[in-house]
């Protein structure tokens, strides 16, 4: 798969403020000829991937989440759309095959990755946090890009995200277990919390054309 994102601004993993990192082209392909040009790399995590049960391979691994329909001068604000998620391995970029609902859950786990959160907490946050209640409304006021997440559906979404991670890890030739990246943590009362254990960065793009020029007004 190959796509191009233009005029994006990267958001450091440690803060939700613009760092003015310009990204001219992100080329997403299904092989190791992928590249990221004109992009300063963040501080990726160091992961040990098991290779044939013996040797270990140290890899630079992190995720990138693309928000579009941003109002100029804001970042990660209500009304934006979670347009796509990517796995970055050094200078290589791999697309995560996530549906809209899964992209929203992945974005939520990335924002709150420093603490495990249970299904009830995740479902409540989708009802309470403006970013998810008004998702994509900068482009579609009808709410067509808004998704509801119930407590009973969270576990299903987690497994589907892990399945997408497995596909991307395989494409990147990484022997990494998705459960080691999107982990489940049990409490003393056997309640399960979910946590994303990997560095993440956000990139933003404003309206894509004159039909959304009203965003700048």
N, C-alpha and C. Protein backbone atom coordinates (compact mmCIF):
# COMPACT_ATOMS: atom_id res chain seq x y z
N UNK A 1 0.84 -1.20 0.00
CA UNK A 1 0.00 0.00 0.00
C UNK A 1 0.87 1.23 0.00
N UNK A 2 0.47 2.25 -0.78
CA UNK A 2 1.27 3.46 -0.84
C UNK A 2 0.36 4.67 -0.76
N UNK A 3 0.70 5.60 0.10
CA UNK A 3 -0.09 6.82 0.22
C UNK A 3 0.83 7.96 0.57
N UNK A 4 0.33 9.21 0.44
CA UNK A 4 1.15 10.38 0.72
C UNK A 4 0.37 11.34 1.58
N UNK A 5 0.96 11.76 2.70
CA UNK A 5 0.38 12.77 3.57
C UNK A 5 1.24 14.00 3.44
N UNK A 6 0.64 15.18 3.32
CA UNK A 6 1.42 16.38 3.11
C UNK A 6 1.16 17.41 4.21
N UNK A 7 2.19 18.22 4.43
CA UNK A 7 2.10 19.38 5.34
C UNK A 7 1.59 18.99 6.70
N UNK A 8 2.26 18.09 7.37
CA UNK A 8 1.87 17.66 8.70
C UNK A 8 2.79 18.26 9.74
N UNK A 9 2.33 18.31 10.98
CA UNK A 9 3.13 18.79 12.09
C UNK A 9 3.22 17.71 13.13
N UNK A 10 4.42 17.32 13.51
CA UNK A 10 4.60 16.22 14.46
C UNK A 10 4.47 16.71 15.89
N UNK A 11 3.86 15.88 16.73
CA UNK A 11 3.65 16.20 18.14
C UNK A 11 4.53 15.28 18.97
N UNK A 12 5.45 15.81 19.80
CA UNK A 12 6.33 14.96 20.60
C UNK A 12 5.53 14.04 21.50
N UNK A 13 6.14 12.91 21.85
CA UNK A 13 5.45 11.93 22.67
C UNK A 13 5.15 12.46 24.05
N UNK A 14 5.95 13.37 24.56
CA UNK A 14 5.82 13.80 25.95
C UNK A 14 4.90 14.99 26.14
N UNK A 15 4.44 15.63 25.04
CA UNK A 15 3.57 16.78 25.20
C UNK A 15 2.63 16.93 24.02
N UNK A 16 1.48 17.51 24.29
CA UNK A 16 0.50 17.71 23.25
C UNK A 16 0.60 19.14 22.74
N UNK A 17 1.80 19.54 22.35
CA UNK A 17 2.02 20.86 21.80
C UNK A 17 2.79 20.72 20.52
N UNK A 18 2.57 21.62 19.57
CA UNK A 18 3.24 21.54 18.29
C UNK A 18 4.74 21.74 18.46
N UNK A 19 5.53 20.92 17.73
CA UNK A 19 6.97 21.06 17.77
C UNK A 19 7.52 21.55 16.44
N UNK A 20 6.60 21.89 15.48
CA UNK A 20 7.00 22.43 14.19
C UNK A 20 7.93 21.50 13.43
N UNK A 21 7.74 20.19 13.56
CA UNK A 21 8.51 19.23 12.79
C UNK A 21 7.79 19.02 11.48
N UNK A 22 8.38 19.44 10.37
CA UNK A 22 7.71 19.35 9.09
C UNK A 22 7.89 17.99 8.46
N UNK A 23 6.80 17.45 7.93
CA UNK A 23 6.83 16.18 7.24
C UNK A 23 6.29 16.42 5.84
N UNK A 24 7.12 16.28 4.82
CA UNK A 24 6.69 16.55 3.46
C UNK A 24 6.02 15.35 2.83
N UNK A 25 6.59 14.18 3.00
CA UNK A 25 6.03 12.98 2.39
C UNK A 25 6.21 11.80 3.31
N UNK A 26 5.13 11.07 3.53
CA UNK A 26 5.21 9.79 4.22
C UNK A 26 4.78 8.74 3.21
N UNK A 27 5.71 7.93 2.74
CA UNK A 27 5.40 6.92 1.75
C UNK A 27 5.18 5.59 2.45
N UNK A 28 3.99 5.05 2.33
CA UNK A 28 3.64 3.81 3.00
C UNK A 28 3.61 2.70 1.96
N UNK A 29 4.47 1.73 2.11
CA UNK A 29 4.54 0.63 1.17
C UNK A 29 4.52 -0.68 1.92
N UNK A 30 4.40 -1.76 1.19
CA UNK A 30 4.31 -3.07 1.83
C UNK A 30 5.64 -3.80 1.84
N UNK A 31 6.77 -3.08 1.63
CA UNK A 31 8.06 -3.73 1.69
C UNK A 31 9.08 -2.80 2.32
N UNK A 32 10.32 -3.19 2.37
CA UNK A 32 11.33 -2.44 3.10
C UNK A 32 11.93 -1.30 2.29
N UNK A 33 11.24 -0.87 1.20
CA UNK A 33 11.68 0.32 0.49
C UNK A 33 10.94 1.55 0.98
N UNK A 34 10.10 1.38 2.03
CA UNK A 34 9.37 2.50 2.59
C UNK A 34 10.32 3.54 3.14
N UNK A 35 9.88 4.80 3.17
CA UNK A 35 10.77 5.84 3.69
C UNK A 35 9.96 6.97 4.27
N UNK A 36 10.58 7.69 5.21
CA UNK A 36 10.02 8.92 5.74
C UNK A 36 11.03 10.00 5.43
N UNK A 37 10.63 11.02 4.66
CA UNK A 37 11.56 12.06 4.27
C UNK A 37 11.24 13.36 4.98
N UNK A 38 12.27 14.15 5.21
CA UNK A 38 12.13 15.46 5.84
C UNK A 38 11.42 15.37 7.18
N UNK A 39 11.78 14.40 7.96
CA UNK A 39 11.11 14.19 9.26
C UNK A 39 12.15 13.93 10.32
N UNK A 40 12.13 14.71 11.38
CA UNK A 40 12.99 14.43 12.52
C UNK A 40 12.39 13.29 13.32
N UNK A 41 13.18 12.29 13.61
CA UNK A 41 12.67 11.14 14.34
C UNK A 41 12.48 11.48 15.82
N UNK A 42 11.44 10.94 16.45
CA UNK A 42 11.24 11.14 17.89
C UNK A 42 12.21 10.25 18.66
N UNK A 43 11.96 10.09 19.93
CA UNK A 43 12.81 9.23 20.76
C UNK A 43 12.14 7.87 20.86
N UNK A 44 12.47 6.93 19.94
CA UNK A 44 11.77 5.66 19.92
C UNK A 44 12.17 4.76 21.07
N UNK A 45 11.31 3.80 21.36
CA UNK A 45 11.62 2.83 22.39
C UNK A 45 12.54 1.75 21.84
N UNK A 46 13.21 1.05 22.72
CA UNK A 46 14.06 -0.06 22.33
C UNK A 46 13.36 -1.35 22.74
N UNK A 47 13.11 -2.20 21.74
CA UNK A 47 12.35 -3.42 22.00
C UNK A 47 13.20 -4.64 21.67
N UNK A 48 13.07 -5.68 22.48
CA UNK A 48 13.71 -6.95 22.19
C UNK A 48 12.69 -7.88 21.55
N UNK A 49 12.95 -8.27 20.32
CA UNK A 49 12.06 -9.18 19.60
C UNK A 49 12.70 -10.56 19.55
N UNK A 50 11.97 -11.57 19.97
CA UNK A 50 12.50 -12.93 19.96
C UNK A 50 12.58 -13.44 18.53
N UNK A 51 13.71 -14.03 18.18
CA UNK A 51 13.94 -14.53 16.83
C UNK A 51 14.33 -16.00 16.91
N UNK A 52 13.40 -16.89 16.49
CA UNK A 52 13.65 -18.33 16.50
C UNK A 52 13.99 -18.85 17.90
N UNK A 53 13.39 -18.29 18.92
CA UNK A 53 13.53 -18.74 20.31
C UNK A 53 14.97 -18.64 20.83
N UNK A 54 15.83 -17.97 20.11
CA UNK A 54 17.23 -17.93 20.55
C UNK A 54 17.78 -16.53 20.47
N UNK A 55 18.18 -16.11 19.28
CA UNK A 55 18.79 -14.79 19.13
C UNK A 55 17.76 -13.70 19.39
N UNK A 56 18.25 -12.53 19.76
CA UNK A 56 17.37 -11.38 19.96
C UNK A 56 17.73 -10.29 18.97
N UNK A 57 16.72 -9.53 18.58
CA UNK A 57 16.91 -8.45 17.63
C UNK A 57 16.42 -7.16 18.28
N UNK A 58 17.30 -6.20 18.44
CA UNK A 58 16.92 -4.92 19.03
C UNK A 58 16.42 -4.01 17.92
N UNK A 59 15.22 -3.46 18.10
CA UNK A 59 14.61 -2.65 17.05
C UNK A 59 14.14 -1.31 17.61
N UNK A 60 14.17 -0.28 16.76
CA UNK A 60 13.58 1.01 17.09
C UNK A 60 12.13 0.98 16.63
N UNK A 61 11.22 1.05 17.56
CA UNK A 61 9.80 0.84 17.23
C UNK A 61 8.96 1.89 17.92
N UNK A 62 8.08 2.53 17.16
CA UNK A 62 7.08 3.41 17.77
C UNK A 62 5.94 3.58 16.79
N UNK A 63 4.88 4.25 17.24
CA UNK A 63 3.69 4.43 16.41
C UNK A 63 3.51 5.91 16.09
N UNK A 64 2.84 6.15 14.96
CA UNK A 64 2.45 7.50 14.57
C UNK A 64 0.95 7.51 14.32
N UNK A 65 0.26 8.50 14.88
CA UNK A 65 -1.18 8.66 14.68
C UNK A 65 -1.42 9.97 13.95
N UNK A 66 -2.15 9.89 12.85
CA UNK A 66 -2.42 11.07 12.02
C UNK A 66 -3.82 11.61 12.32
N UNK A 67 -3.86 12.88 12.78
CA UNK A 67 -5.12 13.60 12.96
C UNK A 67 -5.28 14.59 11.81
N UNK A 68 -6.44 14.62 11.20
CA UNK A 68 -6.68 15.62 10.16
C UNK A 68 -7.91 16.47 10.52
N UNK A 69 -8.19 17.46 9.66
CA UNK A 69 -9.26 18.44 9.89
C UNK A 69 -8.98 19.28 11.14
N UNK A 70 -7.71 19.56 11.37
CA UNK A 70 -7.35 20.39 12.52
C UNK A 70 -7.70 21.85 12.26
N UNK A 71 -8.19 22.52 13.26
CA UNK A 71 -8.32 23.98 13.20
C UNK A 71 -6.93 24.57 13.42
N UNK A 72 -6.45 25.42 12.52
CA UNK A 72 -5.09 25.97 12.66
C UNK A 72 -4.86 26.59 14.03
N UNK A 73 -3.70 26.28 14.60
CA UNK A 73 -3.35 26.80 15.91
C UNK A 73 -3.72 25.89 17.06
N UNK A 74 -4.35 24.74 16.76
CA UNK A 74 -4.71 23.77 17.81
C UNK A 74 -4.08 22.43 17.49
N UNK A 75 -3.99 21.57 18.49
CA UNK A 75 -3.49 20.21 18.31
C UNK A 75 -4.30 19.26 19.18
N UNK A 76 -4.69 18.12 18.63
CA UNK A 76 -5.42 17.09 19.38
C UNK A 76 -6.67 17.66 20.03
N UNK A 77 -7.37 18.52 19.30
CA UNK A 77 -8.57 19.17 19.83
C UNK A 77 -9.83 18.47 19.33
N UNK A 78 -10.93 18.70 20.04
CA UNK A 78 -12.21 18.14 19.62
C UNK A 78 -12.54 18.61 18.20
N UNK A 79 -13.12 17.72 17.42
CA UNK A 79 -13.48 18.04 16.04
C UNK A 79 -12.53 17.45 15.01
N UNK A 80 -11.32 17.07 15.44
CA UNK A 80 -10.38 16.44 14.52
C UNK A 80 -10.78 14.99 14.26
N UNK A 81 -10.21 14.42 13.20
CA UNK A 81 -10.45 13.01 12.88
C UNK A 81 -9.16 12.22 13.05
N UNK A 82 -9.26 11.03 13.66
CA UNK A 82 -8.14 10.10 13.69
C UNK A 82 -8.15 9.39 12.34
N UNK A 83 -7.30 9.85 11.42
CA UNK A 83 -7.38 9.42 10.02
C UNK A 83 -6.66 8.11 9.76
N UNK A 84 -5.52 7.89 10.44
CA UNK A 84 -4.74 6.68 10.19
C UNK A 84 -3.72 6.48 11.30
N UNK A 85 -3.25 5.24 11.42
CA UNK A 85 -2.22 4.89 12.39
C UNK A 85 -1.13 4.11 11.67
N UNK A 86 0.11 4.34 12.08
CA UNK A 86 1.25 3.73 11.42
C UNK A 86 2.22 3.15 12.44
N UNK A 87 2.90 2.09 12.03
CA UNK A 87 4.03 1.53 12.76
C UNK A 87 5.30 2.05 12.11
N UNK A 88 6.19 2.64 12.91
CA UNK A 88 7.46 3.15 12.40
C UNK A 88 8.60 2.31 12.96
N UNK A 89 9.45 1.85 12.06
CA UNK A 89 10.61 1.06 12.43
C UNK A 89 11.82 1.70 11.77
N UNK A 90 12.59 2.46 12.57
CA UNK A 90 13.68 3.28 12.03
C UNK A 90 13.10 4.20 10.96
N UNK A 91 13.53 4.08 9.69
CA UNK A 91 13.02 4.95 8.63
C UNK A 91 11.89 4.31 7.83
N UNK A 92 11.39 3.16 8.29
CA UNK A 92 10.35 2.44 7.57
C UNK A 92 8.99 2.73 8.19
N UNK A 93 7.95 2.81 7.34
CA UNK A 93 6.61 3.13 7.78
C UNK A 93 5.65 2.05 7.31
N UNK A 94 4.85 1.50 8.24
CA UNK A 94 3.90 0.45 7.91
C UNK A 94 2.52 0.85 8.41
N UNK A 95 1.55 0.73 7.54
CA UNK A 95 0.16 1.10 7.85
C UNK A 95 -0.47 0.06 8.78
N UNK A 96 -1.18 0.54 9.81
CA UNK A 96 -1.94 -0.35 10.68
C UNK A 96 -3.36 -0.47 10.14
N UNK A 97 -3.81 -1.66 9.76
CA UNK A 97 -5.14 -1.82 9.16
C UNK A 97 -6.26 -1.79 10.20
N UNK A 98 -6.56 -0.60 10.67
CA UNK A 98 -7.57 -0.42 11.72
C UNK A 98 -8.80 0.29 11.16
N UNK A 99 -9.97 -0.19 11.53
CA UNK A 99 -11.21 0.50 11.18
C UNK A 99 -11.33 1.79 11.99
N UNK A 100 -12.34 2.59 11.69
CA UNK A 100 -12.51 3.86 12.39
C UNK A 100 -12.63 3.66 13.90
N UNK A 101 -13.48 2.75 14.33
CA UNK A 101 -13.65 2.53 15.77
C UNK A 101 -12.35 2.06 16.41
N UNK A 102 -11.63 1.17 15.74
CA UNK A 102 -10.36 0.68 16.28
C UNK A 102 -9.31 1.77 16.32
N UNK A 103 -9.33 2.67 15.34
CA UNK A 103 -8.39 3.80 15.38
C UNK A 103 -8.67 4.69 16.58
N UNK A 104 -9.93 4.89 16.91
CA UNK A 104 -10.29 5.72 18.06
C UNK A 104 -9.85 5.05 19.37
N UNK A 105 -10.07 3.75 19.49
CA UNK A 105 -9.64 3.05 20.70
C UNK A 105 -8.12 3.07 20.81
N UNK A 106 -7.44 2.87 19.68
CA UNK A 106 -5.97 2.91 19.68
C UNK A 106 -5.48 4.30 20.08
N UNK A 107 -6.10 5.34 19.55
CA UNK A 107 -5.73 6.71 19.91
C UNK A 107 -5.95 6.95 21.41
N UNK A 108 -7.06 6.46 21.94
CA UNK A 108 -7.34 6.63 23.36
C UNK A 108 -6.28 5.93 24.22
N UNK A 109 -5.95 4.69 23.86
CA UNK A 109 -4.95 3.95 24.63
C UNK A 109 -3.58 4.63 24.53
N UNK A 110 -3.29 5.23 23.38
CA UNK A 110 -2.01 5.94 23.22
C UNK A 110 -1.95 7.17 24.11
N UNK A 111 -3.06 7.91 24.21
CA UNK A 111 -3.09 9.11 25.05
C UNK A 111 -2.93 8.75 26.53
N UNK A 112 -3.45 7.60 26.93
CA UNK A 112 -3.46 7.21 28.34
C UNK A 112 -2.55 6.00 28.58
N UNK A 113 -1.45 5.91 27.80
CA UNK A 113 -0.63 4.71 27.82
C UNK A 113 0.19 4.53 29.10
N UNK A 114 0.21 5.51 29.99
CA UNK A 114 1.04 5.41 31.19
C UNK A 114 0.35 4.65 32.32
N UNK A 115 -0.91 4.26 32.11
CA UNK A 115 -1.63 3.54 33.16
C UNK A 115 -2.63 2.58 32.51
N UNK A 116 -2.77 1.35 33.04
CA UNK A 116 -3.77 0.43 32.50
C UNK A 116 -5.18 0.94 32.80
N UNK A 117 -6.08 0.82 31.84
CA UNK A 117 -7.46 1.26 32.01
C UNK A 117 -8.40 0.11 31.67
N UNK A 118 -9.43 -0.06 32.51
CA UNK A 118 -10.40 -1.13 32.31
C UNK A 118 -11.47 -0.76 31.30
N UNK A 119 -12.30 -1.74 30.96
CA UNK A 119 -13.34 -1.54 29.96
C UNK A 119 -14.33 -0.45 30.39
N UNK A 120 -14.69 -0.42 31.66
CA UNK A 120 -15.62 0.61 32.14
C UNK A 120 -15.03 2.01 32.01
N UNK A 121 -13.75 2.14 32.32
CA UNK A 121 -13.09 3.45 32.21
C UNK A 121 -13.00 3.90 30.76
N UNK A 122 -12.70 2.98 29.86
CA UNK A 122 -12.60 3.32 28.44
C UNK A 122 -13.96 3.75 27.90
N UNK A 123 -15.00 2.98 28.21
CA UNK A 123 -16.34 3.31 27.73
C UNK A 123 -16.80 4.66 28.28
N UNK A 124 -16.52 4.92 29.56
CA UNK A 124 -16.92 6.19 30.17
C UNK A 124 -16.19 7.36 29.52
N UNK A 125 -14.93 7.18 29.19
CA UNK A 125 -14.16 8.25 28.58
C UNK A 125 -14.68 8.60 27.20
N UNK A 126 -15.15 7.62 26.45
CA UNK A 126 -15.71 7.89 25.12
C UNK A 126 -16.98 8.72 25.23
N UNK A 127 -17.69 8.62 26.33
CA UNK A 127 -18.87 9.44 26.53
C UNK A 127 -18.54 10.81 27.10
N UNK A 128 -17.43 10.91 27.82
CA UNK A 128 -17.12 12.15 28.55
C UNK A 128 -16.13 13.06 27.83
N UNK A 129 -15.15 12.50 27.14
CA UNK A 129 -14.09 13.33 26.56
C UNK A 129 -14.55 13.98 25.26
N UNK A 130 -14.44 15.31 25.16
CA UNK A 130 -14.91 16.03 23.97
C UNK A 130 -14.29 15.54 22.66
N UNK A 131 -13.01 15.11 22.69
CA UNK A 131 -12.37 14.68 21.46
C UNK A 131 -13.15 13.54 20.81
N UNK A 132 -13.64 12.59 21.62
CA UNK A 132 -14.35 11.44 21.07
C UNK A 132 -15.83 11.72 20.88
N UNK A 133 -16.41 12.57 21.73
CA UNK A 133 -17.83 12.93 21.56
C UNK A 133 -18.05 13.78 20.32
N UNK A 134 -17.02 14.53 19.90
CA UNK A 134 -17.14 15.42 18.74
C UNK A 134 -16.19 15.02 17.62
N UNK A 135 -15.85 13.75 17.56
CA UNK A 135 -14.85 13.28 16.60
C UNK A 135 -15.25 13.60 15.16
N UNK A 136 -14.34 14.27 14.45
CA UNK A 136 -14.55 14.56 13.03
C UNK A 136 -15.54 15.65 12.72
N UNK A 137 -16.06 16.33 13.73
CA UNK A 137 -17.11 17.32 13.50
C UNK A 137 -16.60 18.59 12.80
N UNK A 138 -15.29 18.80 12.75
CA UNK A 138 -14.76 19.92 11.97
C UNK A 138 -15.06 19.73 10.49
N UNK A 139 -15.22 18.47 10.06
CA UNK A 139 -15.49 18.18 8.66
C UNK A 139 -16.94 17.81 8.43
N UNK A 140 -17.52 16.99 9.31
CA UNK A 140 -18.89 16.51 9.14
C UNK A 140 -19.70 16.81 10.39
N UNK A 141 -20.50 17.83 10.31
CA UNK A 141 -21.32 18.22 11.46
C UNK A 141 -22.39 17.18 11.79
N UNK A 142 -22.67 16.30 10.85
CA UNK A 142 -23.72 15.30 11.06
C UNK A 142 -23.34 14.26 12.11
N UNK A 143 -22.06 14.20 12.46
CA UNK A 143 -21.61 13.20 13.43
C UNK A 143 -21.34 11.84 12.82
N UNK A 144 -21.20 11.77 11.49
CA UNK A 144 -21.00 10.49 10.82
C UNK A 144 -19.69 9.82 11.21
N UNK A 145 -18.73 10.60 11.73
CA UNK A 145 -17.44 10.03 12.12
C UNK A 145 -17.36 9.73 13.62
N UNK A 146 -18.45 9.92 14.34
CA UNK A 146 -18.48 9.64 15.78
C UNK A 146 -18.81 8.16 15.99
N UNK A 147 -18.12 7.53 16.91
CA UNK A 147 -18.38 6.13 17.25
C UNK A 147 -18.56 5.99 18.76
N UNK A 148 -19.50 5.12 19.15
CA UNK A 148 -19.73 4.82 20.56
C UNK A 148 -18.99 3.54 20.93
N UNK A 149 -18.44 3.50 22.11
CA UNK A 149 -17.75 2.31 22.60
C UNK A 149 -18.39 1.88 23.91
N UNK A 150 -18.92 0.68 23.96
CA UNK A 150 -19.56 0.16 25.17
C UNK A 150 -18.57 -0.69 25.95
N UNK A 151 -18.87 -0.88 27.21
CA UNK A 151 -18.00 -1.70 28.07
C UNK A 151 -17.87 -3.11 27.52
N UNK A 152 -18.97 -3.69 27.05
CA UNK A 152 -18.95 -5.08 26.58
C UNK A 152 -18.16 -5.26 25.29
N UNK A 153 -17.97 -4.17 24.53
CA UNK A 153 -17.27 -4.28 23.24
C UNK A 153 -15.76 -4.08 23.35
N UNK A 154 -15.29 -3.57 24.48
CA UNK A 154 -13.88 -3.19 24.60
C UNK A 154 -12.96 -4.39 24.37
N UNK A 155 -13.25 -5.52 25.00
CA UNK A 155 -12.37 -6.68 24.86
C UNK A 155 -12.29 -7.14 23.40
N UNK A 156 -13.41 -7.08 22.70
CA UNK A 156 -13.41 -7.45 21.28
C UNK A 156 -12.53 -6.51 20.47
N UNK A 157 -12.63 -5.21 20.76
CA UNK A 157 -11.81 -4.23 20.03
C UNK A 157 -10.32 -4.42 20.33
N UNK A 158 -10.00 -4.75 21.56
CA UNK A 158 -8.60 -4.98 21.93
C UNK A 158 -8.02 -6.13 21.12
N UNK A 159 -8.77 -7.21 21.00
CA UNK A 159 -8.29 -8.37 20.24
C UNK A 159 -8.14 -8.03 18.76
N UNK A 160 -9.03 -7.22 18.23
CA UNK A 160 -8.93 -6.82 16.82
C UNK A 160 -7.72 -5.92 16.59
N UNK A 161 -7.44 -5.04 17.54
CA UNK A 161 -6.25 -4.20 17.42
C UNK A 161 -4.99 -5.07 17.45
N UNK A 162 -4.96 -6.05 18.34
CA UNK A 162 -3.82 -6.96 18.39
C UNK A 162 -3.65 -7.72 17.08
N UNK A 163 -4.77 -8.08 16.45
CA UNK A 163 -4.70 -8.77 15.17
C UNK A 163 -4.07 -7.86 14.11
N UNK A 164 -4.45 -6.58 14.12
CA UNK A 164 -3.87 -5.62 13.18
C UNK A 164 -2.38 -5.42 13.45
N UNK A 165 -2.02 -5.36 14.74
CA UNK A 165 -0.60 -5.24 15.09
C UNK A 165 0.19 -6.44 14.57
N UNK A 166 -0.37 -7.63 14.71
CA UNK A 166 0.31 -8.83 14.25
C UNK A 166 0.56 -8.77 12.75
N UNK A 167 -0.41 -8.27 11.99
CA UNK A 167 -0.25 -8.15 10.53
C UNK A 167 0.88 -7.17 10.19
N UNK A 168 0.92 -6.05 10.90
CA UNK A 168 1.96 -5.05 10.62
C UNK A 168 3.33 -5.54 11.06
N UNK A 169 3.40 -6.23 12.20
CA UNK A 169 4.67 -6.79 12.65
C UNK A 169 5.19 -7.82 11.64
N UNK A 170 4.29 -8.62 11.11
CA UNK A 170 4.69 -9.62 10.12
C UNK A 170 5.22 -8.93 8.85
N UNK A 171 4.51 -7.87 8.43
CA UNK A 171 4.95 -7.14 7.24
C UNK A 171 6.33 -6.52 7.46
N UNK A 172 6.61 -6.11 8.69
CA UNK A 172 7.90 -5.50 9.01
C UNK A 172 8.97 -6.53 9.37
N UNK A 173 8.62 -7.82 9.26
CA UNK A 173 9.56 -8.90 9.61
C UNK A 173 10.01 -8.82 11.06
N UNK A 174 9.08 -8.48 11.96
CA UNK A 174 9.38 -8.40 13.38
C UNK A 174 8.72 -9.58 14.10
N UNK A 175 9.50 -10.28 14.90
CA UNK A 175 8.96 -11.37 15.70
C UNK A 175 8.58 -10.82 17.08
N UNK A 176 7.50 -10.04 17.10
CA UNK A 176 7.04 -9.41 18.34
C UNK A 176 5.62 -9.88 18.62
N UNK A 177 5.37 -10.25 19.84
CA UNK A 177 4.04 -10.67 20.26
C UNK A 177 3.17 -9.44 20.52
N UNK A 178 2.03 -9.28 19.82
CA UNK A 178 1.17 -8.11 20.04
C UNK A 178 0.76 -7.91 21.49
N UNK A 179 0.62 -8.99 22.25
CA UNK A 179 0.24 -8.86 23.66
C UNK A 179 1.34 -8.25 24.52
N UNK A 180 2.59 -8.23 23.99
CA UNK A 180 3.67 -7.56 24.70
C UNK A 180 3.68 -6.06 24.43
N UNK A 181 2.93 -5.63 23.43
CA UNK A 181 2.83 -4.21 23.09
C UNK A 181 1.51 -3.63 23.61
N UNK A 182 0.42 -4.32 23.36
CA UNK A 182 -0.88 -3.95 23.93
C UNK A 182 -1.18 -4.98 25.02
N UNK A 183 -0.82 -4.63 26.24
CA UNK A 183 -0.81 -5.60 27.33
C UNK A 183 -2.11 -5.58 28.12
N UNK A 184 -2.42 -6.72 28.73
CA UNK A 184 -3.54 -6.84 29.66
C UNK A 184 -2.96 -7.00 31.06
N UNK A 185 -3.49 -6.24 32.01
CA UNK A 185 -3.02 -6.29 33.39
C UNK A 185 -4.19 -6.56 34.31
N UNK A 186 -4.09 -7.60 35.14
CA UNK A 186 -5.16 -7.94 36.07
C UNK A 186 -4.95 -7.27 37.42
N UNK A 187 -6.05 -6.83 38.03
CA UNK A 187 -6.01 -6.30 39.38
C UNK A 187 -6.19 -7.46 40.37
N UNK A 188 -6.14 -7.15 41.66
CA UNK A 188 -6.32 -8.20 42.67
C UNK A 188 -7.73 -8.76 42.66
N UNK A 189 -8.67 -8.04 42.03
CA UNK A 189 -10.05 -8.55 41.93
C UNK A 189 -10.34 -9.10 40.54
N UNK A 190 -9.27 -9.36 39.77
CA UNK A 190 -9.36 -9.96 38.44
C UNK A 190 -9.98 -9.05 37.39
N UNK A 191 -10.10 -7.77 37.70
CA UNK A 191 -10.50 -6.82 36.66
C UNK A 191 -9.31 -6.60 35.74
N UNK A 192 -9.56 -6.52 34.42
CA UNK A 192 -8.49 -6.41 33.44
C UNK A 192 -8.37 -4.97 32.96
N UNK A 193 -7.13 -4.47 32.98
CA UNK A 193 -6.83 -3.17 32.41
C UNK A 193 -5.96 -3.33 31.18
N UNK A 194 -6.07 -2.38 30.24
CA UNK A 194 -5.33 -2.45 28.98
C UNK A 194 -4.40 -1.25 28.87
N UNK A 195 -3.19 -1.54 28.38
CA UNK A 195 -2.19 -0.48 28.29
C UNK A 195 -1.34 -0.68 27.04
N UNK A 196 -1.08 0.41 26.32
CA UNK A 196 -0.21 0.39 25.15
C UNK A 196 1.21 0.71 25.59
N UNK A 197 2.13 -0.24 25.45
CA UNK A 197 3.51 -0.09 25.94
C UNK A 197 4.45 0.19 24.77
N UNK A 198 4.35 1.38 24.21
CA UNK A 198 5.23 1.75 23.11
C UNK A 198 5.16 3.26 22.91
N UNK A 199 6.26 3.92 22.55
CA UNK A 199 6.21 5.36 22.28
C UNK A 199 5.27 5.68 21.13
N UNK A 200 4.63 6.85 21.20
CA UNK A 200 3.67 7.29 20.19
C UNK A 200 3.91 8.75 19.88
N UNK A 201 3.74 9.12 18.61
CA UNK A 201 3.74 10.53 18.24
C UNK A 201 2.49 10.82 17.42
N UNK A 202 2.06 12.08 17.45
CA UNK A 202 0.90 12.52 16.68
C UNK A 202 1.35 13.50 15.60
N UNK A 203 0.75 13.40 14.42
CA UNK A 203 0.96 14.39 13.37
C UNK A 203 -0.40 14.96 12.98
N UNK A 204 -0.40 16.21 12.54
CA UNK A 204 -1.65 16.91 12.24
C UNK A 204 -1.62 17.55 10.87
N UNK A 205 -2.77 17.57 10.23
CA UNK A 205 -2.92 18.31 8.98
C UNK A 205 -4.21 19.12 9.05
N UNK A 206 -4.17 20.28 8.42
CA UNK A 206 -5.35 21.15 8.38
C UNK A 206 -6.30 20.67 7.28
N UNK A 207 -7.28 21.47 6.96
CA UNK A 207 -8.26 21.08 5.95
C UNK A 207 -7.54 20.74 4.64
N UNK A 208 -8.03 19.73 3.87
CA UNK A 208 -7.31 19.27 2.69
C UNK A 208 -7.56 20.07 1.42
N UNK A 209 -8.49 21.01 1.44
CA UNK A 209 -8.77 21.73 0.20
C UNK A 209 -9.71 22.89 0.43
N UNK A 210 -10.05 23.62 -0.64
CA UNK A 210 -10.90 24.81 -0.50
C UNK A 210 -12.28 24.51 0.05
N UNK A 211 -12.75 23.26 -0.08
CA UNK A 211 -14.10 22.97 0.44
C UNK A 211 -14.15 23.07 1.95
N UNK A 212 -12.97 23.08 2.63
CA UNK A 212 -12.95 23.22 4.09
C UNK A 212 -12.29 24.53 4.51
N UNK A 213 -12.29 25.50 3.62
CA UNK A 213 -11.63 26.78 3.91
C UNK A 213 -12.27 27.48 5.09
N UNK A 214 -13.54 27.15 5.40
CA UNK A 214 -14.22 27.80 6.51
C UNK A 214 -13.51 27.53 7.84
N UNK A 215 -12.71 26.45 7.92
CA UNK A 215 -12.01 26.13 9.17
C UNK A 215 -11.07 27.24 9.56
N UNK A 216 -10.51 27.93 8.59
CA UNK A 216 -9.54 28.98 8.88
C UNK A 216 -10.18 30.30 9.22
N UNK A 217 -11.48 30.43 9.04
CA UNK A 217 -12.13 31.73 9.26
C UNK A 217 -12.24 32.02 10.75
